[in-house]
Protein backbone atom coordinates (compact mmCIF):
# COMPACT_ATOMS: atom_id res chain seq x y z
CA MET A 1 -31.06 43.58 -102.69
CA HIS A 2 -28.97 46.69 -103.37
CA ILE A 3 -32.28 49.20 -103.78
CA PRO A 4 -31.69 52.86 -103.94
CA ARG A 5 -31.83 54.79 -101.03
CA LEU A 6 -34.22 58.10 -101.18
CA SER A 7 -34.05 60.78 -99.18
CA THR A 8 -37.06 62.14 -97.13
CA ALA A 9 -36.91 64.89 -99.40
CA VAL A 10 -37.18 62.63 -102.62
CA SER A 11 -39.65 60.38 -101.12
CA LEU A 12 -42.07 63.32 -100.03
CA LEU A 13 -41.78 64.29 -103.49
CA LEU A 14 -43.21 60.64 -104.81
CA LEU A 15 -46.08 60.74 -102.57
CA ILE A 16 -46.78 64.23 -103.87
CA SER A 17 -47.07 62.95 -106.86
CA SER A 18 -49.02 60.14 -106.66
CA THR A 19 -51.89 62.03 -104.68
CA THR A 20 -52.18 64.85 -107.48
CA SER A 21 -53.61 64.59 -110.95
CA THR A 22 -49.80 65.88 -112.41
CA PRO A 23 -47.39 63.34 -112.64
CA LEU A 24 -43.79 64.39 -112.28
CA ALA A 25 -42.54 63.38 -115.31
CA GLN A 26 -44.13 61.35 -118.27
CA VAL A 27 -41.71 58.61 -117.17
CA ASN A 28 -42.18 55.78 -114.66
CA PRO A 29 -42.07 55.61 -111.38
CA SER A 30 -38.70 54.11 -110.95
CA GLN A 31 -37.52 56.62 -114.00
CA ASN A 32 -39.06 58.85 -111.43
CA ALA A 33 -37.01 58.06 -108.29
CA LEU A 34 -33.70 57.60 -110.29
CA THR A 35 -33.95 61.30 -111.32
CA LEU A 36 -35.00 62.33 -108.02
CA ALA A 37 -32.10 60.69 -106.46
CA ALA A 38 -29.61 61.27 -108.37
CA LEU A 39 -30.43 65.36 -109.17
CA PRO A 40 -27.27 67.37 -108.60
CA THR A 41 -27.58 70.65 -107.17
CA SER A 42 -27.60 73.82 -109.78
CA GLN A 43 -24.16 75.09 -107.87
CA LEU A 44 -22.84 71.55 -108.53
CA LEU A 45 -23.93 71.35 -112.33
CA ALA A 46 -22.72 74.91 -112.92
CA CYS A 47 -19.51 74.14 -111.89
CA LEU A 48 -19.09 71.52 -114.27
CA GLU A 49 -20.23 73.54 -116.84
CA PRO A 50 -16.97 73.92 -118.79
CA LEU A 51 -16.36 69.99 -118.86
CA GLY A 52 -19.16 69.90 -120.79
CA ALA A 53 -20.54 66.36 -122.55
CA LYS A 54 -17.78 64.45 -119.76
CA VAL A 55 -20.56 65.48 -117.17
CA LEU A 56 -23.04 62.42 -117.23
CA THR A 57 -26.29 63.22 -114.94
CA SER A 58 -29.42 60.71 -114.72
CA ASN A 59 -31.15 62.91 -117.16
CA ASP A 60 -28.04 61.51 -119.69
CA PRO A 61 -28.90 58.35 -122.54
CA LYS A 62 -25.52 57.31 -121.15
CA TYR A 63 -25.98 57.60 -117.74
CA ASN A 64 -27.30 54.09 -116.86
CA GLU A 65 -24.56 52.41 -118.84
CA GLU A 66 -21.74 54.32 -117.15
CA ARG A 67 -23.61 53.66 -113.59
CA TYR A 68 -23.48 49.67 -113.52
CA VAL A 69 -19.77 48.32 -113.05
CA PHE A 70 -18.17 44.23 -112.84
CA ASP A 71 -20.73 43.65 -110.36
CA LEU A 72 -24.06 43.67 -111.43
CA ARG A 73 -25.85 43.60 -107.85
CA TYR A 74 -25.06 47.28 -107.26
CA THR A 75 -27.14 49.81 -108.49
CA TYR A 76 -26.51 52.82 -106.86
CA LEU A 77 -27.01 56.67 -108.19
CA PRO A 78 -24.03 58.69 -108.04
CA GLN A 79 -25.37 62.52 -108.65
CA VAL A 80 -23.07 62.86 -111.56
CA ILE A 81 -20.32 60.71 -113.51
CA VAL A 82 -17.08 62.56 -114.90
CA MET A 83 -15.77 60.75 -118.00
CA ALA A 84 -12.15 62.61 -117.51
CA SER A 85 -9.61 62.11 -120.05
CA SER A 86 -7.26 64.86 -118.46
CA VAL A 87 -5.34 65.76 -115.52
CA SER A 88 -7.58 69.14 -115.54
CA ASP A 89 -10.86 67.36 -116.11
CA VAL A 90 -9.91 65.81 -112.58
CA GLN A 91 -8.94 68.91 -110.91
CA THR A 92 -12.09 70.34 -111.92
CA ALA A 93 -14.51 67.57 -110.90
CA VAL A 94 -12.84 67.15 -107.57
CA LYS A 95 -12.70 71.15 -106.90
CA CYS A 96 -16.33 70.87 -108.06
CA ALA A 97 -17.50 68.04 -105.64
CA ALA A 98 -15.39 69.47 -102.81
CA ALA A 99 -17.36 73.09 -102.77
CA SER A 100 -20.66 71.12 -102.99
CA LYS A 101 -20.03 69.15 -100.20
CA VAL A 102 -20.30 65.70 -102.46
CA ALA A 103 -18.74 62.58 -101.74
CA VAL A 104 -15.79 61.88 -104.52
CA ALA A 105 -15.42 58.02 -106.13
CA PRO A 106 -12.59 57.38 -108.21
CA ARG A 107 -13.04 54.60 -111.12
CA SER A 108 -10.42 52.62 -112.95
CA GLY A 109 -11.95 49.18 -113.79
CA GLY A 110 -14.94 49.35 -111.75
CA HIS A 111 -14.56 45.88 -110.09
CA SER A 112 -15.13 46.52 -106.51
CA TYR A 113 -16.40 43.67 -104.58
CA GLU A 114 -19.03 46.46 -102.63
CA GLY A 115 -19.73 48.93 -105.28
CA TYR A 116 -17.59 51.32 -104.36
CA SER A 117 -16.85 52.05 -107.97
CA ILE A 118 -19.60 54.22 -108.13
CA GLY A 119 -19.67 55.52 -104.59
CA GLY A 120 -21.02 52.32 -102.29
CA GLN A 121 -24.00 54.84 -101.69
CA ASP A 122 -26.25 57.42 -103.65
CA GLY A 123 -24.90 60.64 -104.08
CA SER A 124 -21.41 60.11 -104.95
CA LEU A 125 -19.44 62.21 -108.27
CA VAL A 126 -18.03 59.40 -109.79
CA ILE A 127 -14.87 60.28 -112.08
CA ASP A 128 -13.92 58.19 -114.53
CA LEU A 129 -10.80 57.35 -115.36
CA GLY A 130 -11.30 55.77 -118.44
CA GLY A 131 -9.39 58.30 -120.51
CA PHE A 132 -6.20 57.27 -118.63
CA THR A 133 -4.82 54.56 -121.07
CA SER A 134 -1.28 55.47 -121.61
CA VAL A 135 1.24 53.12 -121.12
CA THR A 136 4.73 54.20 -121.93
CA VAL A 137 8.03 52.21 -121.28
CA LYS A 138 11.87 54.43 -121.64
CA ASN A 139 15.10 53.06 -120.35
CA GLY A 140 13.20 50.59 -118.32
CA VAL A 141 10.58 52.71 -116.53
CA ALA A 142 6.93 52.21 -117.06
CA LYS A 143 4.72 55.31 -117.03
CA VAL A 144 1.29 53.62 -116.95
CA GLY A 145 -2.23 55.74 -116.63
CA ALA A 146 -4.47 54.95 -113.56
CA GLY A 147 -7.74 53.72 -115.74
CA VAL A 148 -5.87 51.43 -117.95
CA ARG A 149 -6.88 47.59 -117.59
CA LEU A 150 -4.10 44.76 -116.75
CA GLY A 151 -4.86 42.94 -120.27
CA LYS A 152 -4.14 45.96 -122.10
CA LEU A 153 -1.03 47.19 -119.68
CA TYR A 154 0.15 43.37 -120.46
CA LEU A 155 0.00 43.69 -123.99
CA GLU A 156 1.46 47.30 -124.24
CA LEU A 157 4.40 46.03 -121.81
CA PHE A 158 5.30 43.16 -124.12
CA ASN A 159 5.36 45.33 -126.80
CA GLN A 160 7.59 47.95 -125.67
CA GLY A 161 10.64 45.87 -125.17
CA GLY A 162 8.58 42.19 -123.51
CA TYR A 163 8.35 43.71 -120.24
CA THR A 164 5.66 42.57 -117.80
CA LEU A 165 4.15 43.22 -114.06
CA ASN A 166 3.67 41.02 -111.16
CA ALA A 167 0.16 41.92 -110.69
CA GLY A 168 -2.95 40.40 -111.22
CA THR A 169 -4.64 37.91 -113.95
CA CYS A 170 -8.22 39.35 -114.68
CA PRO A 171 -7.74 41.06 -117.95
CA SER A 172 -10.39 43.77 -117.35
CA VAL A 173 -9.59 45.01 -114.00
CA GLY A 174 -8.44 48.59 -113.92
CA ILE A 175 -4.25 49.23 -112.31
CA GLY A 176 -5.58 51.94 -110.11
CA GLY A 177 -7.52 50.42 -107.31
CA HIS A 178 -5.60 46.64 -107.69
CA ALA A 179 -2.19 48.55 -107.11
CA LEU A 180 -3.55 50.91 -104.25
CA GLY A 181 -4.87 47.63 -102.26
CA GLY A 182 -1.29 46.40 -102.48
CA GLY A 183 -1.77 44.18 -106.19
CA PHE A 184 -0.92 40.55 -105.47
CA GLY A 185 -0.31 38.45 -108.34
CA LEU A 186 1.26 35.45 -109.27
CA LEU A 187 4.77 36.65 -109.38
CA GLY A 188 4.46 37.70 -106.11
CA PRO A 189 6.71 35.34 -103.80
CA LYS A 190 9.42 35.96 -106.54
CA TYR A 191 9.05 39.59 -106.88
CA GLY A 192 7.36 41.13 -104.28
CA LEU A 193 3.48 43.02 -104.53
CA LEU A 194 2.87 45.88 -107.33
CA ILE A 195 3.50 48.28 -104.97
CA ASP A 196 7.06 47.32 -104.45
CA ARG A 197 7.52 48.51 -107.87
CA ILE A 198 5.94 52.07 -107.92
CA THR A 199 8.43 54.56 -107.61
CA GLU A 200 5.93 57.82 -107.90
CA MET A 201 2.45 58.49 -108.47
CA GLN A 202 1.02 61.46 -110.07
CA VAL A 203 -1.99 63.07 -107.46
CA VAL A 204 -5.15 65.08 -107.38
CA ASN A 205 -5.78 65.96 -103.77
CA ALA A 206 -8.75 66.54 -102.28
CA GLN A 207 -7.67 70.79 -103.11
CA GLY A 208 -7.70 69.43 -106.73
CA GLN A 209 -3.76 70.04 -106.56
CA LEU A 210 -1.48 67.93 -108.29
CA LEU A 211 1.11 66.46 -106.45
CA MET A 212 4.07 64.43 -107.39
CA VAL A 213 4.19 61.57 -104.37
CA SER A 214 7.12 59.60 -103.94
CA ASP A 215 9.37 58.58 -100.93
CA THR A 216 11.36 61.70 -101.14
CA SER A 217 7.95 64.22 -102.38
CA ASN A 218 5.12 63.81 -99.92
CA PRO A 219 6.29 60.80 -98.26
CA ASP A 220 3.65 59.97 -96.10
CA LEU A 221 0.72 59.99 -98.80
CA PHE A 222 3.00 57.70 -100.84
CA TYR A 223 2.96 55.73 -97.62
CA ALA A 224 -0.72 55.85 -97.50
CA LEU A 225 -0.99 55.48 -101.28
CA ARG A 226 0.86 51.88 -101.19
CA GLY A 227 -2.02 49.23 -99.35
CA ALA A 228 -4.76 52.14 -98.29
CA GLY A 229 -5.19 54.38 -101.59
CA GLY A 230 -8.17 52.78 -103.21
CA GLY A 231 -10.08 56.09 -102.87
CA SER A 232 -9.45 57.54 -99.62
CA TYR A 233 -6.87 60.16 -100.53
CA GLY A 234 -7.30 61.36 -103.49
CA ILE A 235 -7.32 60.44 -107.41
CA VAL A 236 -3.94 58.76 -108.64
CA THR A 237 -3.62 59.59 -112.36
CA GLU A 238 -0.16 58.03 -113.48
CA PHE A 239 2.20 55.35 -111.93
CA THR A 240 5.68 55.27 -112.46
CA ILE A 241 6.52 51.44 -112.19
CA LEU A 242 10.04 49.26 -112.85
CA PRO A 243 8.36 46.44 -114.73
CA ILE A 244 9.60 42.85 -114.80
CA LYS A 245 11.96 41.52 -117.77
CA PRO A 246 10.79 37.86 -117.60
CA THR A 247 12.81 34.87 -118.90
CA PRO A 248 12.64 34.24 -122.51
CA VAL A 249 10.49 30.93 -122.17
CA VAL A 250 7.87 30.35 -119.36
CA THR A 251 6.01 27.31 -118.85
CA SER A 252 2.03 27.66 -117.76
CA TYR A 253 0.45 24.84 -116.66
CA SER A 254 -2.80 23.36 -114.79
CA TYR A 255 -3.60 20.55 -113.06
CA ASN A 256 -7.03 18.64 -111.91
CA TRP A 257 -7.92 16.53 -109.25
CA LYS A 258 -11.56 15.20 -107.89
CA LEU A 259 -12.97 16.71 -105.20
CA GLU A 260 -12.42 13.70 -103.05
CA ASP A 261 -8.76 14.23 -103.24
CA TYR A 262 -9.15 17.94 -101.20
CA ALA A 263 -7.51 16.77 -97.75
CA ALA A 264 -4.50 15.33 -99.73
CA VAL A 265 -3.56 17.92 -102.24
CA LEU A 266 -4.38 21.26 -99.99
CA SER A 267 -2.05 19.83 -97.20
CA ALA A 268 0.78 19.51 -99.78
CA PHE A 269 -0.38 22.82 -101.51
CA ALA A 270 -0.38 24.13 -97.64
CA ASP A 271 3.07 23.57 -97.25
CA PHE A 272 4.45 24.38 -101.10
CA GLN A 273 6.90 27.30 -99.85
CA LEU A 274 8.74 24.45 -98.01
CA LEU A 275 8.59 22.28 -101.48
CA VAL A 276 9.35 24.22 -104.34
CA SER A 277 10.96 27.89 -105.18
CA ASN A 278 9.57 30.81 -105.46
CA ASP A 279 9.97 30.63 -109.42
CA ILE A 280 7.05 28.98 -109.29
CA GLY A 281 3.17 31.69 -108.70
CA ILE A 282 0.70 29.70 -108.08
CA LYS A 283 -2.75 29.24 -107.41
CA LEU A 284 -5.58 26.78 -106.39
CA ASN A 285 -9.19 26.92 -106.84
CA VAL A 286 -11.63 24.40 -104.78
CA GLY A 287 -15.10 23.91 -106.29
CA PRO A 288 -18.34 21.60 -106.43
CA ASN A 289 -16.46 20.21 -109.40
CA GLY A 290 -13.07 19.51 -107.80
CA LEU A 291 -9.88 21.09 -107.67
CA ARG A 292 -7.81 22.88 -110.74
CA MET A 293 -3.87 24.37 -109.60
CA SER A 294 -2.53 26.78 -111.98
CA GLY A 295 0.31 29.05 -112.62
CA LEU A 296 3.12 29.86 -114.35
CA PHE A 297 7.12 29.34 -113.93
CA GLU A 298 9.81 31.02 -115.11
CA GLY A 299 11.76 28.34 -117.19
CA THR A 300 11.36 25.19 -119.94
CA LYS A 301 9.11 22.58 -118.91
CA ASP A 302 11.65 20.43 -118.01
CA ASP A 303 12.95 23.11 -115.25
CA GLN A 304 8.79 23.40 -114.44
CA LEU A 305 8.53 19.54 -113.46
CA ARG A 306 11.79 19.11 -111.64
CA ALA A 307 10.67 22.17 -109.17
CA MET A 308 7.28 20.88 -108.33
CA ALA A 309 8.28 17.41 -108.01
CA PRO A 310 8.64 17.51 -104.23
CA PHE A 311 5.15 18.38 -104.28
CA PHE A 312 3.52 16.01 -106.79
CA ALA A 313 5.26 13.00 -104.70
CA LYS A 314 3.06 14.16 -101.74
CA VAL A 315 -0.36 14.28 -103.93
CA PRO A 316 -2.81 11.90 -105.77
CA LYS A 317 -1.83 11.83 -109.61
CA PRO A 318 -4.00 14.69 -111.21
CA GLU A 319 -7.00 13.27 -113.47
CA LYS A 320 -6.09 15.98 -116.25
CA SER A 321 -2.90 17.76 -117.05
CA ASP A 322 -2.09 20.93 -119.35
CA VAL A 323 1.49 22.04 -119.34
CA ARG A 324 2.90 24.61 -121.95
CA GLU A 325 5.82 26.45 -123.03
CA GLY A 326 5.88 29.79 -124.27
CA ARG A 327 6.34 33.24 -124.15
CA TYR A 328 5.54 35.24 -121.05
CA ILE A 329 2.54 36.83 -122.58
CA ASP A 330 0.95 33.71 -124.08
CA ALA A 331 0.97 32.52 -120.10
CA GLN A 332 -0.82 35.74 -118.93
CA LEU A 333 -3.34 34.95 -121.68
CA ARG A 334 -3.83 31.52 -120.83
CA LEU A 335 -4.19 32.65 -117.00
CA ALA A 336 -6.87 35.11 -117.47
CA SER A 337 -9.78 32.85 -117.99
CA ILE A 338 -10.83 34.42 -121.14
CA PRO A 339 -13.34 31.85 -122.56
CA ASN A 340 -12.47 29.66 -125.67
CA ASP A 341 -8.41 30.24 -124.68
CA PRO A 342 -7.47 32.33 -127.15
CA LYS A 343 -4.31 32.21 -128.77
CA ASP A 344 -4.18 35.48 -130.24
CA ILE A 345 -2.28 38.31 -127.11
CA ASN A 346 -4.55 40.47 -128.43
CA ALA A 347 -7.99 38.81 -127.01
CA LEU A 348 -5.90 40.59 -123.52
CA LEU A 349 -7.89 43.52 -124.49
CA LEU A 350 -11.70 41.61 -124.15
CA LYS A 351 -13.55 42.58 -120.76
CA VAL A 352 -15.13 40.46 -119.11
CA ASP A 353 -18.47 39.76 -118.90
CA PRO A 354 -19.89 41.21 -115.72
CA LEU A 355 -21.33 39.52 -113.21
CA THR A 356 -24.21 39.64 -110.25
CA ARG A 357 -21.61 37.81 -106.79
CA LYS A 358 -20.60 38.32 -103.34
CA GLY A 359 -16.94 37.83 -102.37
CA LYS A 360 -14.67 37.32 -99.29
CA SER A 361 -11.35 37.13 -97.77
CA LEU A 362 -9.44 35.79 -95.12
CA VAL A 363 -5.32 36.41 -94.89
CA TYR A 364 -3.72 33.58 -93.32
CA PRO A 365 -0.36 33.95 -91.30
CA LYS A 366 0.97 30.52 -91.39
CA ALA A 367 -0.11 27.15 -93.18
CA LEU A 368 -3.54 26.04 -93.46
CA LYS A 369 -4.21 23.61 -90.70
CA ALA A 370 -6.46 20.33 -91.00
CA SER A 371 -9.60 21.77 -89.62
CA SER A 372 -9.18 24.93 -92.33
CA ILE A 373 -8.58 22.16 -94.51
CA ALA A 374 -11.51 20.20 -94.11
CA LEU A 375 -13.49 23.47 -93.99
CA LEU A 376 -12.85 23.99 -97.56
CA GLY A 377 -13.64 20.39 -98.49
CA LYS A 378 -17.12 20.09 -96.67
CA TRP A 379 -18.04 23.76 -98.33
CA ALA A 380 -16.78 23.33 -101.73
CA ALA A 381 -19.26 20.06 -101.91
CA ILE A 382 -22.39 22.60 -101.09
CA LYS A 383 -23.98 24.36 -103.96
CA PRO A 384 -26.45 26.26 -103.12
CA ASN A 385 -29.45 26.29 -105.47
CA GLY A 386 -29.74 29.61 -107.91
CA ALA A 387 -25.90 29.55 -107.39
CA ARG A 388 -23.70 29.55 -111.22
CA VAL A 389 -20.32 29.26 -109.75
CA THR A 390 -19.25 28.78 -106.49
CA PHE A 391 -15.00 28.39 -105.50
CA PHE A 392 -12.58 28.98 -102.73
CA LEU A 393 -9.64 30.63 -105.07
CA VAL A 394 -6.24 30.07 -102.50
CA THR A 395 -2.74 31.61 -103.46
CA ILE A 396 0.65 31.01 -101.75
CA TRP A 397 1.98 34.41 -100.88
CA GLY A 398 5.86 34.62 -99.04
CA GLY A 399 8.92 34.80 -100.54
CA ALA A 400 9.70 38.59 -101.71
CA VAL A 401 6.18 40.00 -100.39
CA ALA A 402 7.61 39.17 -96.89
CA ASN A 403 10.98 41.12 -97.42
CA VAL A 404 9.62 44.65 -97.26
CA PRO A 405 9.08 45.46 -93.98
CA GLU A 406 5.58 45.97 -93.01
CA ASN A 407 6.02 49.60 -91.47
CA SER A 408 7.48 50.81 -94.90
CA THR A 409 3.85 50.49 -96.86
CA ALA A 410 0.70 50.88 -95.15
CA PHE A 411 -0.09 47.38 -96.51
CA ILE A 412 -0.15 45.72 -93.61
CA HIS A 413 -0.52 41.71 -94.56
CA ARG A 414 3.73 41.44 -95.37
CA ASN A 415 3.53 37.88 -93.13
CA ALA A 416 0.75 36.41 -95.49
CA HIS A 417 1.32 32.53 -95.95
CA SER A 418 -1.14 32.34 -97.95
CA VAL A 419 -5.35 34.06 -98.48
CA ILE A 420 -8.36 32.37 -99.49
CA GLU A 421 -10.95 34.17 -101.33
CA PHE A 422 -14.90 33.00 -101.46
CA MET A 423 -17.03 33.06 -104.08
CA VAL A 424 -20.64 33.31 -105.37
CA ASP A 425 -22.28 34.42 -108.25
CA TRP A 426 -25.41 34.06 -109.99
CA THR A 427 -25.91 35.88 -113.15
CA LYS A 428 -24.51 36.91 -115.91
CA ASP A 429 -27.85 38.11 -117.49
CA PRO A 430 -26.89 42.52 -117.92
CA ASN A 431 -30.59 42.71 -117.06
CA THR A 432 -31.12 41.81 -113.69
CA HIS A 433 -29.05 44.59 -111.68
CA GLY A 434 -29.69 44.51 -108.16
CA GLU A 435 -31.31 40.85 -107.95
CA ASP A 436 -29.89 38.89 -105.21
CA CYS A 437 -29.93 35.34 -104.95
CA GLU A 438 -30.97 34.71 -101.23
CA ALA A 439 -29.53 30.55 -100.94
CA CYS A 440 -26.44 32.03 -102.42
CA LEU A 441 -26.23 34.97 -99.84
CA GLU A 442 -26.83 32.58 -96.87
CA TRP A 443 -24.23 29.66 -98.03
CA MET A 444 -21.79 32.34 -98.22
CA ASN A 445 -22.81 34.04 -94.21
CA ASP A 446 -23.02 29.97 -92.99
CA MET A 447 -19.56 29.08 -94.68
CA TYR A 448 -17.91 32.29 -93.59
CA THR A 449 -18.93 32.01 -90.02
CA GLU A 450 -17.55 28.91 -89.88
CA PHE A 451 -14.42 29.83 -91.26
CA LEU A 452 -14.07 32.96 -88.87
CA ASP A 453 -14.23 30.82 -85.90
CA ASP A 454 -11.81 28.63 -87.09
CA PHE A 455 -9.45 31.86 -87.88
CA ARG A 456 -9.68 33.00 -84.27
CA ALA A 457 -9.33 30.03 -82.93
CA ASN A 458 -5.66 29.12 -84.73
CA TYR A 459 -4.30 32.30 -86.30
CA GLY A 460 -5.30 35.28 -84.30
CA PRO A 461 -7.41 38.20 -85.11
CA VAL A 462 -9.15 38.51 -88.79
CA ARG A 463 -7.62 39.69 -91.57
CA GLY A 464 -8.89 40.13 -94.97
CA TYR A 465 -7.46 41.45 -98.11
CA GLN A 466 -8.73 45.03 -98.58
CA ASN A 467 -8.45 44.21 -103.10
CA TYR A 468 -11.46 41.33 -101.70
CA ILE A 469 -13.16 44.42 -100.00
CA ASP A 470 -16.51 43.11 -97.79
CA LEU A 471 -18.51 45.53 -95.77
CA GLU A 472 -19.45 42.66 -93.87
CA ILE A 473 -15.83 41.38 -92.41
CA PRO A 474 -15.80 41.64 -88.39
CA ASN A 475 -14.05 45.26 -87.56
CA TRP A 476 -12.75 45.61 -90.91
CA GLN A 477 -10.31 48.70 -90.26
CA ASP A 478 -8.73 46.10 -87.96
CA ALA A 479 -8.93 43.54 -90.73
CA TYR A 480 -7.42 45.61 -93.40
CA TYR A 481 -4.97 48.06 -92.09
CA GLY A 482 -4.70 46.60 -88.00
CA SER A 483 -1.27 48.71 -86.66
CA ALA A 484 -1.34 50.99 -89.67
CA LEU A 485 -4.59 52.53 -88.78
CA PRO A 486 -3.74 55.54 -86.49
CA ARG A 487 -1.14 56.48 -89.06
CA LEU A 488 -3.55 56.09 -91.74
CA LYS A 489 -5.81 58.56 -89.76
CA GLN A 490 -3.70 60.79 -89.55
CA ILE A 491 -2.47 61.43 -92.90
CA LYS A 492 -6.01 61.52 -93.95
CA ARG A 493 -6.80 64.42 -91.38
CA VAL A 494 -3.75 66.50 -92.94
CA VAL A 495 -4.44 65.60 -96.85
CA ASP A 496 -8.40 65.46 -97.20
CA PRO A 497 -9.72 67.13 -93.52
CA GLU A 498 -12.98 67.49 -95.15
CA ASN A 499 -13.37 63.96 -95.87
CA THR A 500 -14.42 64.91 -99.94
CA PHE A 501 -12.63 61.32 -100.62
CA ARG A 502 -15.11 58.88 -98.96
CA PHE A 503 -17.57 55.59 -98.77
CA PRO A 504 -18.65 53.28 -96.48
CA GLN A 505 -15.01 51.63 -95.84
CA SER A 506 -13.23 54.93 -96.55
CA ILE A 507 -10.28 55.40 -94.12
CA PRO A 508 -12.15 57.60 -91.38
CA LEU A 509 -10.64 60.98 -90.05
CA GLN A 510 -10.81 60.09 -86.51
């Protein structure tokens, strides 16, 4: 459970208030704690005064609403939340935070797996980028605000010329953190990572200056932002991206098997790169209720079936299948996992309900071995008491992802064969902030320990996907950034020498 950590001074004030006849305020003790722990200095508030109502403190009725993000476990207390709507707002907020030596946490969609969208610790200044949602396409180039969510982004790109992007499927994820952590999507094997299509970024640095960052302007920062840029170097306010023009006809699909078929299905799935073309985007969900393989193919249903025939020749007949032909935007809507399978593409604008959850990951450099497949089958069959959902999401990488030299960006997982996301969630009740399911966390830790032992024995040093960031992964700096780490630290010392952009897993100075 994430309980707000109070400073010694705050604890002393609470003690004094409990032993005197005069309370601190006419509110309950939890509100006292919240107010005191999140209290900004008068210097910071005076500096932020030009931003007016865009500045939220713990005294503001909107503060609690805005400090809770997608993962309901995290209840950290920012000193201030700035609801920025312009570059100058961001610049002012960064300058004020730096002058008061307050950590700055940018927030695009609020989906950080460790609550870093609200600082990952008490006392940060959160800069919310929800006001940066503009998307314009001109001459085949997209200008994208860093606060736009993927569902809206896909819809805007489609409406402005039938374009799309090689990014994730969850419609409420913000492009900011997703892109800066690499940005893998189902089209990755064909088009590479999202960072591979970003040509320029507009960035507010630790001094509050606005920089244009690209291969030719601030190239070191451009290197660092593509793979390690989530909250460590500055605040991206706009991306320049080369969108993709998909084929006129796209096939989306899903196939279901019983869990008892896991060995045959996963063995064939592990060889998927060898069996089929990179035109197929695919993911496999493994859980207590069985296996569900879904994805898309740029082409007709007949072409999709021919392309996947080598795979289906190696697996049992699916229990259920659903193959649809249509536009690319229709496939994106279907893969967004919006309840009730809506047909109106405007449903991509809907927000996914928040959850209480814990996630981890491993990046596999080669095809899954039999021992790893056996672990997937073993743990998928075990659902802990209190869990709402448990699953393993296996995605196939390779193809165009591997075609970019590893040292050209800070993203070190170019040789990834596949990635497993491990997930458990236990409630969608918005009134359960900070409540943990101990049995769920025990399941996660016991399961992941076995996977780590297997990984070390068969695949080498532990590697994880930074967009599924996990505070408990062994040696996180090496797991996420590997050989890029020395250069990333050197760039950090140059662009943010006072470590203004910091959180528990930000790139360190040393």
